[in-house]
Amino acid sequence: MKKSRHKWLHHDIQNETLQDIAFKIMFQNVREMKNAEYFSILMDETVDIVRTEQVSIFYQVVSSDLIASEYFMEFYSTASTKSKTLIDIAKDVHVRFDLPLSKLRGQCYDGAANVSGTISGLQQRIKEEEPRALFVYCNAHNLNRVIEDGIEKVLVVRKFIREVRDMINCVPYHKSVPKFIDK
């Protein structure tokens, strides 16, 4: 690229280059997950600034020397966050990246009924297919609730947290994000 007269500044070229880098990183992460003896899945839903529901998917792997690594896989845009839709998303990730469900040993979600429900929640649906995949509540969500309760009376901190939350929700989904619709 340095030898040419081209500047490579067009946004399409930059987006393509970033996409290539992202795929390379994703490939390395998937290879590491496949080599691991076991892994855990972490999923969370959020709404972006244009009110599009997004599901973020992470995997956690602990190496043989007990070093934990967490890998962000992607955002999924979805019209529904029902447990049926979420299980379809989780299965899609496993199929697309050829991750065997038999290696899944942990599930981590917030306390919402659609994911943590013991009758028809996502955690139960996954347990039906892989009974060894234990469910734990996400400590980050519990910590978030404690902090929100603690700062309720401090106006300056409340405003700051609101601004940070607005910035996070500003991340729009990319047009290549897979979309899932509950049937």
Protein backbone atom coordinates (compact mmCIF):
# COMPACT_ATOMS: atom_id res chain seq x y z
CA MET A 1 0.00 0.00 0.00
CA LYS A 2 2.89 2.39 0.70
CA LYS A 3 4.30 2.00 -2.82
CA SER A 4 1.20 3.23 -4.61
CA ARG A 5 0.07 6.78 -5.23
CA HIS A 6 -3.32 6.00 -3.73
CA LYS A 7 -4.15 7.51 -0.36
CA TRP A 8 -6.67 4.81 0.68
CA LEU A 9 -8.83 7.44 2.41
CA HIS A 10 -12.24 6.63 0.98
CA HIS A 11 -14.64 5.47 3.68
CA ASP A 12 -15.45 2.26 1.79
CA ILE A 13 -11.75 1.32 1.72
CA GLN A 14 -11.38 2.14 5.41
CA ASN A 15 -14.50 0.14 6.31
CA GLU A 16 -13.27 -2.81 4.26
CA THR A 17 -9.87 -2.68 5.94
CA LEU A 18 -11.48 -2.53 9.40
CA GLN A 19 -13.78 -5.43 8.48
CA ASP A 20 -10.75 -7.50 7.38
CA ILE A 21 -8.99 -6.77 10.68
CA ALA A 22 -12.14 -7.67 12.64
CA PHE A 23 -12.47 -11.00 10.79
CA LYS A 24 -8.84 -11.83 11.47
CA ILE A 25 -9.27 -11.12 15.19
CA MET A 26 -12.54 -13.08 15.26
CA PHE A 27 -10.83 -16.04 13.55
CA GLN A 28 -8.05 -16.04 16.17
CA ASN A 29 -10.61 -15.84 19.00
CA VAL A 30 -12.69 -18.69 17.56
CA ARG A 31 -9.57 -20.83 17.15
CA GLU A 32 -8.71 -20.24 20.81
CA MET A 33 -12.26 -21.14 21.88
CA LYS A 34 -12.17 -24.34 19.83
CA ASN A 35 -8.88 -25.32 21.45
CA ALA A 36 -10.24 -24.74 24.94
CA GLU A 37 -11.61 -27.65 26.88
CA TYR A 38 -14.73 -25.69 27.90
CA PHE A 39 -16.25 -22.25 27.46
CA SER A 40 -19.10 -20.11 28.77
CA ILE A 41 -21.55 -17.85 26.98
CA LEU A 42 -22.56 -14.37 28.15
CA MET A 43 -25.44 -12.56 26.47
CA ASP A 44 -27.06 -9.21 27.14
CA GLU A 45 -29.71 -7.13 25.43
CA THR A 46 -29.72 -3.36 24.98
CA VAL A 47 -31.52 -0.78 22.91
CA ASP A 48 -29.48 1.65 20.83
CA ILE A 49 -30.31 5.31 20.25
CA VAL A 50 -32.66 4.53 17.33
CA ARG A 51 -34.51 2.01 19.51
CA THR A 52 -33.12 -1.07 17.77
CA GLU A 53 -32.89 -4.02 20.14
CA GLN A 54 -29.42 -5.54 20.09
CA VAL A 55 -28.06 -8.67 21.68
CA SER A 56 -24.35 -8.76 22.49
CA ILE A 57 -22.63 -12.12 22.69
CA PHE A 58 -19.42 -12.89 24.53
CA TYR A 59 -17.62 -16.12 25.29
CA GLN A 60 -15.33 -16.74 28.22
CA VAL A 61 -12.53 -19.29 28.11
CA VAL A 62 -10.15 -20.33 30.86
CA SER A 63 -6.80 -21.59 29.59
CA SER A 64 -4.93 -24.57 31.02
CA ASP A 65 -2.79 -22.13 33.06
CA LEU A 66 -6.01 -20.64 34.53
CA ILE A 67 -5.99 -17.35 32.62
CA ALA A 68 -9.52 -16.20 31.81
CA SER A 69 -10.17 -14.54 28.46
CA GLU A 70 -13.41 -12.98 27.32
CA TYR A 71 -14.19 -12.63 23.62
CA PHE A 72 -16.79 -10.34 22.13
CA MET A 73 -18.37 -12.09 19.17
CA GLU A 74 -20.87 -9.62 17.76
CA PHE A 75 -24.08 -7.67 18.08
CA TYR A 76 -27.29 -9.17 16.77
CA SER A 77 -30.16 -6.91 15.83
CA THR A 78 -33.49 -8.44 16.80
CA ALA A 79 -37.15 -7.50 16.84
CA SER A 80 -37.74 -9.65 19.92
CA THR A 81 -35.90 -10.69 23.06
CA LYS A 82 -38.11 -13.68 23.82
CA SER A 83 -36.21 -16.76 24.93
CA LYS A 84 -37.07 -18.57 21.66
CA THR A 85 -35.38 -15.80 19.65
CA LEU A 86 -32.37 -15.71 21.98
CA ILE A 87 -31.84 -19.48 21.77
CA ASP A 88 -31.96 -19.20 17.97
CA ILE A 89 -29.28 -16.49 18.12
CA ALA A 90 -27.09 -18.57 20.44
CA LYS A 91 -27.47 -21.63 18.20
CA ASP A 92 -26.65 -19.55 15.13
CA VAL A 93 -23.38 -18.41 16.69
CA HIS A 94 -22.46 -21.98 17.63
CA VAL A 95 -23.25 -23.26 14.13
CA ARG A 96 -21.55 -20.42 12.23
CA PHE A 97 -18.33 -20.69 14.23
CA ASP A 98 -18.50 -24.48 14.60
CA LEU A 99 -18.43 -24.29 18.40
CA PRO A 100 -19.65 -27.56 19.91
CA LEU A 101 -22.46 -27.11 22.42
CA SER A 102 -20.96 -30.06 24.32
CA LYS A 103 -18.12 -27.76 25.47
CA LEU A 104 -20.53 -25.19 26.94
CA ARG A 105 -20.24 -25.25 30.74
CA GLY A 106 -21.50 -21.83 31.78
CA GLN A 107 -24.24 -19.33 31.01
CA CYS A 108 -24.30 -15.78 32.31
CA TYR A 109 -27.20 -13.38 31.83
CA ASP A 110 -29.05 -10.68 33.71
CA GLY A 111 -32.01 -11.51 35.94
CA ALA A 112 -34.73 -10.93 33.32
CA ALA A 113 -37.26 -13.76 33.08
CA ASN A 114 -36.68 -14.27 29.36
CA VAL A 115 -33.10 -15.38 30.05
CA SER A 116 -33.02 -16.55 33.65
CA GLY A 117 -36.43 -18.23 33.81
CA THR A 118 -36.30 -21.82 35.03
CA ILE A 119 -39.30 -23.00 32.98
CA SER A 120 -38.90 -21.44 29.53
CA GLY A 121 -36.06 -18.93 29.87
CA LEU A 122 -32.95 -19.05 27.73
CA GLN A 123 -30.92 -20.73 30.45
CA GLN A 124 -33.45 -23.56 30.69
CA ARG A 125 -33.61 -23.99 26.91
CA ILE A 126 -29.83 -24.31 26.77
CA LYS A 127 -29.85 -26.75 29.71
CA GLU A 128 -32.28 -28.93 27.79
CA GLU A 129 -29.64 -29.30 25.08
CA GLU A 130 -26.55 -29.25 27.33
CA PRO A 131 -27.42 -30.05 30.97
CA ARG A 132 -23.87 -29.32 32.16
CA ALA A 133 -24.14 -25.62 31.17
CA LEU A 134 -24.67 -24.03 34.58
CA PHE A 135 -26.42 -20.66 34.85
CA VAL A 136 -25.17 -17.80 37.03
CA TYR A 137 -26.48 -14.26 37.35
CA CYS A 138 -24.27 -11.61 35.84
CA ASN A 139 -22.38 -9.89 38.66
CA ALA A 140 -22.05 -6.76 36.55
CA HIS A 141 -25.84 -6.39 36.53
CA ASN A 142 -26.02 -6.93 40.28
CA LEU A 143 -23.24 -4.38 40.83
CA ASN A 144 -25.03 -1.96 38.52
CA ARG A 145 -28.21 -2.20 40.62
CA VAL A 146 -26.28 -1.62 43.84
CA ILE A 147 -24.51 1.42 42.37
CA GLU A 148 -27.75 2.86 40.97
CA ASP A 149 -29.39 2.54 44.38
CA GLY A 150 -26.35 4.10 46.07
CA ILE A 151 -26.11 7.15 43.78
CA GLU A 152 -29.84 7.82 43.55
CA LYS A 153 -29.53 10.92 45.74
CA VAL A 154 -26.34 12.35 44.15
CA LEU A 155 -27.54 14.46 41.22
CA VAL A 156 -24.13 15.13 39.65
CA VAL A 157 -23.24 11.44 39.56
CA ARG A 158 -26.70 10.53 38.22
CA LYS A 159 -26.25 12.99 35.34
CA PHE A 160 -22.79 11.61 34.59
CA ILE A 161 -24.05 8.02 34.50
CA ARG A 162 -26.91 9.08 32.22
CA GLU A 163 -24.43 10.71 29.82
CA VAL A 164 -22.25 7.59 29.74
CA ARG A 165 -25.31 5.40 29.15
CA ASP A 166 -26.42 7.67 26.30
CA MET A 167 -22.97 7.40 24.71
CA ILE A 168 -23.08 3.61 24.93
CA ASN A 169 -26.57 3.51 23.43
CA CYS A 170 -25.34 5.70 20.57
CA VAL A 171 -23.46 2.78 18.99
CA PRO A 172 -25.69 1.87 16.05
CA TYR A 173 -25.70 -1.59 14.63
CA HIS A 174 -23.91 -2.17 11.34
CA LYS A 175 -25.98 -3.11 8.29
CA SER A 176 -24.23 -6.51 8.20
CA VAL A 177 -25.47 -7.43 11.68
CA PRO A 178 -27.68 -10.51 11.42
CA LYS A 179 -31.33 -9.82 12.19
CA PHE A 180 -33.57 -12.25 14.03
CA ILE A 181 -37.33 -12.12 14.11
CA ASP A 182 -39.37 -14.22 16.50
CA LYS A 183 -41.69 -16.49 14.55
